[in-house]
Amino acid sequence: MELLLVGLPGGWEWILLFMAVLLLFGGRKIPELMRGVGKGIREFNTARNQVKEELEKGMEESDSEAAESK
């Protein structure tokens, strides 16, 4: 069985990717695209932090309920 190793693009690959994005979206659309990506990342991190806080809160509540029942 062959193992396929996929890594991050190297120097020339990044240049080719940048050129492809530039051709597809044009110079004027790239800042708008990056703003959208940044907003999406922020929303993802906010949602992740909220879920983490809710899980921690639930774990603390279950621990305190278990201690009270003893």
PDB file of N, CA and C in Angstrom:
ATOM      1  N   MET A   1       0.849  -1.179   0.000  1.00  0.00           N
ATOM      2  CA  MET A   1       0.000   0.000   0.000  1.00  0.00           C
ATOM      3  C   MET A   1       0.894   1.243   0.000  1.00  0.00           C
ATOM      4  N   GLU A   2       0.654   2.113  -0.932  1.00  0.00           N
ATOM      5  CA  GLU A   2       1.474   3.310  -1.043  1.00  0.00           C
ATOM      6  C   GLU A   2       0.940   4.409  -0.130  1.00  0.00           C
ATOM      7  N   LEU A   3       1.860   5.154   0.427  1.00  0.00           N
ATOM      8  CA  LEU A   3       1.509   6.262   1.299  1.00  0.00           C
ATOM      9  C   LEU A   3       1.658   7.550   0.507  1.00  0.00           C
ATOM     10  N   LEU A   4       0.588   8.301   0.429  1.00  0.00           N
ATOM     11  CA  LEU A   4       0.608   9.562  -0.298  1.00  0.00           C
ATOM     12  C   LEU A   4       0.826  10.684   0.698  1.00  0.00           C
ATOM     13  N   LEU A   5       1.945  11.371   0.573  1.00  0.00           N
ATOM     14  CA  LEU A   5       2.252  12.470   1.469  1.00  0.00           C
ATOM     15  C   LEU A   5       1.878  13.787   0.791  1.00  0.00           C
ATOM     16  N   VAL A   6       1.014  14.525   1.447  1.00  0.00           N
ATOM     17  CA  VAL A   6       0.590  15.813   0.921  1.00  0.00           C
ATOM     18  C   VAL A   6       1.019  16.871   1.923  1.00  0.00           C
ATOM     19  N   GLY A   7       1.785  17.831   1.461  1.00  0.00           N
ATOM     20  CA  GLY A   7       2.269  18.884   2.343  1.00  0.00           C
ATOM     21  C   GLY A   7       1.822  20.246   1.852  1.00  0.00           C
ATOM     22  N   LEU A   8       2.325  21.253   2.499  1.00  0.00           N
ATOM     23  CA  LEU A   8       2.024  22.614   2.092  1.00  0.00           C
ATOM     24  C   LEU A   8       2.776  22.942   0.810  1.00  0.00           C
ATOM     25  N   PRO A   9       2.200  23.809   0.008  1.00  0.00           N
ATOM     26  CA  PRO A   9       2.881  24.187  -1.230  1.00  0.00           C
ATOM     27  C   PRO A   9       4.211  24.884  -0.940  1.00  0.00           C
ATOM     28  N   GLY A  10       5.168  24.688  -1.837  1.00  0.00           N
ATOM     29  CA  GLY A  10       6.472  25.323  -1.718  1.00  0.00           C
ATOM     30  C   GLY A  10       6.461  26.708  -2.361  1.00  0.00           C
ATOM     31  N   GLY A  11       7.621  27.253  -2.607  1.00  0.00           N
ATOM     32  CA  GLY A  11       7.756  28.617  -3.130  1.00  0.00           C
ATOM     33  C   GLY A  11       7.073  28.850  -4.460  1.00  0.00           C
ATOM     34  N   TRP A  12       7.387  28.018  -5.473  1.00  0.00           N
ATOM     35  CA  TRP A  12       6.799  28.219  -6.796  1.00  0.00           C
ATOM     36  C   TRP A  12       5.305  27.930  -6.799  1.00  0.00           C
ATOM     37  N   GLU A  13       4.880  26.982  -5.978  1.00  0.00           N
ATOM     38  CA  GLU A  13       3.449  26.677  -5.926  1.00  0.00           C
ATOM     39  C   GLU A  13       2.657  27.860  -5.389  1.00  0.00           C
ATOM     40  N   TRP A  14       3.205  28.565  -4.378  1.00  0.00           N
ATOM     41  CA  TRP A  14       2.523  29.741  -3.843  1.00  0.00           C
ATOM     42  C   TRP A  14       2.413  30.832  -4.910  1.00  0.00           C
ATOM     43  N   ILE A  15       3.474  31.006  -5.673  1.00  0.00           N
ATOM     44  CA  ILE A  15       3.453  32.017  -6.735  1.00  0.00           C
ATOM     45  C   ILE A  15       2.391  31.667  -7.777  1.00  0.00           C
ATOM     46  N   LEU A  16       2.329  30.393  -8.168  1.00  0.00           N
ATOM     47  CA  LEU A  16       1.316  29.963  -9.137  1.00  0.00           C
ATOM     48  C   LEU A  16      -0.094  30.116  -8.586  1.00  0.00           C
ATOM     49  N   LEU A  17      -0.288  29.778  -7.314  1.00  0.00           N
ATOM     50  CA  LEU A  17      -1.604  29.958  -6.695  1.00  0.00           C
ATOM     51  C   LEU A  17      -2.005  31.430  -6.677  1.00  0.00           C
ATOM     52  N   PHE A  18      -1.057  32.299  -6.309  1.00  0.00           N
ATOM     53  CA  PHE A  18      -1.337  33.733  -6.281  1.00  0.00           C
ATOM     54  C   PHE A  18      -1.704  34.253  -7.672  1.00  0.00           C
ATOM     55  N   MET A  19      -0.983  33.798  -8.680  1.00  0.00           N
ATOM     56  CA  MET A  19      -1.275  34.225 -10.050  1.00  0.00           C
ATOM     57  C   MET A  19      -2.659  33.739 -10.493  1.00  0.00           C
ATOM     58  N   ALA A  20      -3.013  32.506 -10.130  1.00  0.00           N
ATOM     59  CA  ALA A  20      -4.329  31.970 -10.493  1.00  0.00           C
ATOM     60  C   ALA A  20      -5.428  32.771  -9.817  1.00  0.00           C
ATOM     61  N   VAL A  21      -5.247  33.103  -8.535  1.00  0.00           N
ATOM     62  CA  VAL A  21      -6.251  33.911  -7.820  1.00  0.00           C
ATOM     63  C   VAL A  21      -6.344  35.288  -8.445  1.00  0.00           C
ATOM     64  N   LEU A  22      -5.227  35.861  -8.789  1.00  0.00           N
ATOM     65  CA  LEU A  22      -5.215  37.184  -9.410  1.00  0.00           C
ATOM     66  C   LEU A  22      -5.953  37.159 -10.742  1.00  0.00           C
ATOM     67  N   LEU A  23      -5.748  36.124 -11.535  1.00  0.00           N
ATOM     68  CA  LEU A  23      -6.440  36.009 -12.816  1.00  0.00           C
ATOM     69  C   LEU A  23      -7.943  35.769 -12.636  1.00  0.00           C
ATOM     70  N   LEU A  24      -8.305  34.942 -11.658  1.00  0.00           N
ATOM     71  CA  LEU A  24      -9.713  34.628 -11.454  1.00  0.00           C
ATOM     72  C   LEU A  24     -10.513  35.791 -10.875  1.00  0.00           C
ATOM     73  N   PHE A  25      -9.947  36.478  -9.893  1.00  0.00           N
ATOM     74  CA  PHE A  25     -10.714  37.491  -9.177  1.00  0.00           C
ATOM     75  C   PHE A  25     -10.348  38.917  -9.556  1.00  0.00           C
ATOM     76  N   GLY A  26      -9.203  39.141 -10.121  1.00  0.00           N
ATOM     77  CA  GLY A  26      -8.786  40.488 -10.473  1.00  0.00           C
ATOM     78  C   GLY A  26      -8.234  41.225  -9.263  1.00  0.00           C
ATOM     79  N   GLY A  27      -7.472  42.259  -9.511  1.00  0.00           N
ATOM     80  CA  GLY A  27      -6.817  43.015  -8.446  1.00  0.00           C
ATOM     81  C   GLY A  27      -7.781  43.722  -7.514  1.00  0.00           C
ATOM     82  N   ARG A  28      -8.928  44.117  -7.999  1.00  0.00           N
ATOM     83  CA  ARG A  28      -9.883  44.864  -7.177  1.00  0.00           C
ATOM     84  C   ARG A  28     -10.658  43.962  -6.231  1.00  0.00           C
ATOM     85  N   LYS A  29     -10.844  42.726  -6.587  1.00  0.00           N
ATOM     86  CA  LYS A  29     -11.662  41.813  -5.777  1.00  0.00           C
ATOM     87  C   LYS A  29     -10.866  41.123  -4.672  1.00  0.00           C
ATOM     88  N   ILE A  30      -9.548  41.090  -4.748  1.00  0.00           N
ATOM     89  CA  ILE A  30      -8.744  40.369  -3.762  1.00  0.00           C
ATOM     90  C   ILE A  30      -8.902  40.942  -2.356  1.00  0.00           C
ATOM     91  N   PRO A  31      -8.836  42.277  -2.148  1.00  0.00           N
ATOM     92  CA  PRO A  31      -9.046  42.789  -0.779  1.00  0.00           C
ATOM     93  C   PRO A  31     -10.430  42.425  -0.228  1.00  0.00           C
ATOM     94  N   GLU A  32     -11.431  42.471  -1.087  1.00  0.00           N
ATOM     95  CA  GLU A  32     -12.787  42.098  -0.682  1.00  0.00           C
ATOM     96  C   GLU A  32     -12.840  40.611  -0.306  1.00  0.00           C
ATOM     97  N   LEU A  33     -12.180  39.794  -1.076  1.00  0.00           N
ATOM     98  CA  LEU A  33     -12.116  38.354  -0.813  1.00  0.00           C
ATOM     99  C   LEU A  33     -11.410  38.089   0.518  1.00  0.00           C
ATOM    100  N   MET A  34     -10.306  38.773   0.774  1.00  0.00           N
ATOM    101  CA  MET A  34      -9.559  38.586   2.018  1.00  0.00           C
ATOM    102  C   MET A  34     -10.372  39.058   3.224  1.00  0.00           C
ATOM    103  N   ARG A  35     -11.126  40.136   3.073  1.00  0.00           N
ATOM    104  CA  ARG A  35     -12.001  40.591   4.156  1.00  0.00           C
ATOM    105  C   ARG A  35     -13.029  39.518   4.493  1.00  0.00           C
ATOM    106  N   GLY A  36     -13.590  38.907   3.456  1.00  0.00           N
ATOM    107  CA  GLY A  36     -14.562  37.829   3.662  1.00  0.00           C
ATOM    108  C   GLY A  36     -13.944  36.636   4.362  1.00  0.00           C
ATOM    109  N   VAL A  37     -12.723  36.279   3.973  1.00  0.00           N
ATOM    110  CA  VAL A  37     -12.027  35.167   4.613  1.00  0.00           C
ATOM    111  C   VAL A  37     -11.754  35.498   6.080  1.00  0.00           C
ATOM    112  N   GLY A  38     -11.300  36.714   6.350  1.00  0.00           N
ATOM    113  CA  GLY A  38     -11.031  37.138   7.730  1.00  0.00           C
ATOM    114  C   GLY A  38     -12.285  37.121   8.581  1.00  0.00           C
ATOM    115  N   LYS A  39     -13.381  37.591   8.018  1.00  0.00           N
ATOM    116  CA  LYS A  39     -14.658  37.590   8.745  1.00  0.00           C
ATOM    117  C   LYS A  39     -15.098  36.159   9.039  1.00  0.00           C
ATOM    118  N   GLY A  40     -14.936  35.273   8.084  1.00  0.00           N
ATOM    119  CA  GLY A  40     -15.293  33.871   8.293  1.00  0.00           C
ATOM    120  C   GLY A  40     -14.459  33.226   9.379  1.00  0.00           C
ATOM    121  N   ILE A  41     -13.167  33.513   9.397  1.00  0.00           N
ATOM    122  CA  ILE A  41     -12.281  32.959  10.425  1.00  0.00           C
ATOM    123  C   ILE A  41     -12.665  33.488  11.801  1.00  0.00           C
ATOM    124  N   ARG A  42     -12.963  34.794  11.884  1.00  0.00           N
ATOM    125  CA  ARG A  42     -13.388  35.376  13.164  1.00  0.00           C
ATOM    126  C   ARG A  42     -14.668  34.726  13.670  1.00  0.00           C
ATOM    127  N   GLU A  43     -15.657  34.550  12.780  1.00  0.00           N
ATOM    128  CA  GLU A  43     -16.915  33.927  13.174  1.00  0.00           C
ATOM    129  C   GLU A  43     -16.689  32.487  13.622  1.00  0.00           C
ATOM    130  N   PHE A  44     -15.826  31.754  12.930  1.00  0.00           N
ATOM    131  CA  PHE A  44     -15.513  30.379  13.308  1.00  0.00           C
ATOM    132  C   PHE A  44     -14.886  30.329  14.696  1.00  0.00           C
ATOM    133  N   ASN A  45     -13.913  31.210  14.950  1.00  0.00           N
ATOM    134  CA  ASN A  45     -13.251  31.228  16.256  1.00  0.00           C
ATOM    135  C   ASN A  45     -14.222  31.609  17.367  1.00  0.00           C
ATOM    136  N   THR A  46     -15.118  32.549  17.109  1.00  0.00           N
ATOM    137  CA  THR A  46     -16.119  32.941  18.100  1.00  0.00           C
ATOM    138  C   THR A  46     -17.027  31.766  18.428  1.00  0.00           C
ATOM    139  N   ALA A  47     -17.508  31.080  17.410  1.00  0.00           N
ATOM    140  CA  ALA A  47     -18.380  29.926  17.630  1.00  0.00           C
ATOM    141  C   ALA A  47     -17.629  28.819  18.366  1.00  0.00           C
ATOM    142  N   ARG A  48     -16.384  28.584  18.002  1.00  0.00           N
ATOM    143  CA  ARG A  48     -15.582  27.551  18.670  1.00  0.00           C
ATOM    144  C   ARG A  48     -15.405  27.876  20.145  1.00  0.00           C
ATOM    145  N   ASN A  49     -15.120  29.149  20.457  1.00  0.00           N
ATOM    146  CA  ASN A  49     -14.942  29.553  21.853  1.00  0.00           C
ATOM    147  C   ASN A  49     -16.238  29.422  22.640  1.00  0.00           C
ATOM    148  N   GLN A  50     -17.377  29.748  22.015  1.00  0.00           N
ATOM    149  CA  GLN A  50     -18.664  29.614  22.692  1.00  0.00           C
ATOM    150  C   GLN A  50     -18.967  28.159  23.009  1.00  0.00           C
ATOM    151  N   VAL A  51     -18.709  27.270  22.066  1.00  0.00           N
ATOM    152  CA  VAL A  51     -18.945  25.844  22.300  1.00  0.00           C
ATOM    153  C   VAL A  51     -18.029  25.344  23.404  1.00  0.00           C
ATOM    154  N   LYS A  52     -16.770  25.760  23.380  1.00  0.00           N
ATOM    155  CA  LYS A  52     -15.813  25.343  24.405  1.00  0.00           C
ATOM    156  C   LYS A  52     -16.272  25.808  25.785  1.00  0.00           C
ATOM    157  N   GLU A  53     -16.718  27.075  25.895  1.00  0.00           N
ATOM    158  CA  GLU A  53     -17.189  27.599  27.172  1.00  0.00           C
ATOM    159  C   GLU A  53     -18.419  26.843  27.658  1.00  0.00           C
ATOM    160  N   GLU A  54     -19.347  26.528  26.756  1.00  0.00           N
ATOM    161  CA  GLU A  54     -20.548  25.792  27.139  1.00  0.00           C
ATOM    162  C   GLU A  54     -20.191  24.385  27.625  1.00  0.00           C
ATOM    163  N   LEU A  55     -19.248  23.729  26.957  1.00  0.00           N
ATOM    164  CA  LEU A  55     -18.824  22.403  27.382  1.00  0.00           C
ATOM    165  C   LEU A  55     -18.164  22.443  28.755  1.00  0.00           C
ATOM    166  N   GLU A  56     -17.287  23.428  28.968  1.00  0.00           N
ATOM    167  CA  GLU A  56     -16.626  23.557  30.262  1.00  0.00           C
ATOM    168  C   GLU A  56     -17.639  23.851  31.362  1.00  0.00           C
ATOM    169  N   LYS A  57     -18.604  24.711  31.059  1.00  0.00           N
ATOM    170  CA  LYS A  57     -19.657  25.055  32.019  1.00  0.00           C
ATOM    171  C   LYS A  57     -20.480  23.812  32.369  1.00  0.00           C
ATOM    172  N   GLY A  58     -20.835  23.016  31.365  1.00  0.00           N
ATOM    173  CA  GLY A  58     -21.594  21.791  31.589  1.00  0.00           C
ATOM    174  C   GLY A  58     -20.810  20.785  32.404  1.00  0.00           C
ATOM    175  N   MET A  59     -19.503  20.699  32.158  1.00  0.00           N
ATOM    176  CA  MET A  59     -18.665  19.768  32.918  1.00  0.00           C
ATOM    177  C   MET A  59     -18.570  20.204  34.372  1.00  0.00           C
ATOM    178  N   GLU A  60     -18.457  21.516  34.615  1.00  0.00           N
ATOM    179  CA  GLU A  60     -18.392  22.027  35.986  1.00  0.00           C
ATOM    180  C   GLU A  60     -19.709  21.752  36.709  1.00  0.00           C
ATOM    181  N   GLU A  61     -20.839  21.946  36.018  1.00  0.00           N
ATOM    182  CA  GLU A  61     -22.145  21.699  36.624  1.00  0.00           C
ATOM    183  C   GLU A  61     -22.313  20.225  36.960  1.00  0.00           C
ATOM    184  N   SER A  62     -21.898  19.345  36.072  1.00  0.00           N
ATOM    185  CA  SER A  62     -22.043  17.904  36.345  1.00  0.00           C
ATOM    186  C   SER A  62     -21.111  17.483  37.476  1.00  0.00           C
ATOM    187  N   ASP A  63     -19.929  18.093  37.586  1.00  0.00           N
ATOM    188  CA  ASP A  63     -19.020  17.783  38.683  1.00  0.00           C
ATOM    189  C   ASP A  63     -19.594  18.242  40.016  1.00  0.00           C
ATOM    190  N   SER A  64     -20.209  19.435  40.031  1.00  0.00           N
ATOM    191  CA  SER A  64     -20.784  19.945  41.280  1.00  0.00           C
ATOM    192  C   SER A  64     -22.016  19.135  41.677  1.00  0.00           C
ATOM    193  N   GLU A  65     -22.815  18.681  40.694  1.00  0.00           N
ATOM    194  CA  GLU A  65     -23.978  17.845  40.992  1.00  0.00           C
ATOM    195  C   GLU A  65     -23.537  16.489  41.525  1.00  0.00           C
ATOM    196  N   ALA A  66     -22.459  15.937  40.998  1.00  0.00           N
ATOM    197  CA  ALA A  66     -21.954  14.659  41.467  1.00  0.00           C
ATOM    198  C   ALA A  66     -21.424  14.774  42.891  1.00  0.00           C
ATOM    199  N   ALA A  67     -20.769  15.905  43.205  1.00  0.00           N
ATOM    200  CA  ALA A  67     -20.248  16.116  44.544  1.00  0.00           C
ATOM    201  C   ALA A  67     -21.384  16.294  45.550  1.00  0.00           C
ATOM    202  N   GLU A  68     -22.464  16.956  45.140  1.00  0.00           N
ATOM    203  CA  GLU A  68     -23.606  17.185  46.024  1.00  0.00           C
ATOM    204  C   GLU A  68     -24.363  15.900  46.309  1.00  0.00           C
ATOM    205  N   SER A  69     -24.409  14.992  45.370  1.00  0.00           N
ATOM    206  CA  SER A  69     -25.179  13.758  45.542  1.00  0.00           C
ATOM    207  C   SER A  69     -24.463  12.744  46.441  1.00  0.00           C
ATOM    208  N   LYS A  70     -23.169  12.975  46.691  1.00  0.00           N
ATOM    209  CA  LYS A  70     -22.412  12.035  47.535  1.00  0.00           C
ATOM    210  C   LYS A  70     -22.678  12.264  48.978  1.00  0.00           C
TER     211      LYS A  70
END
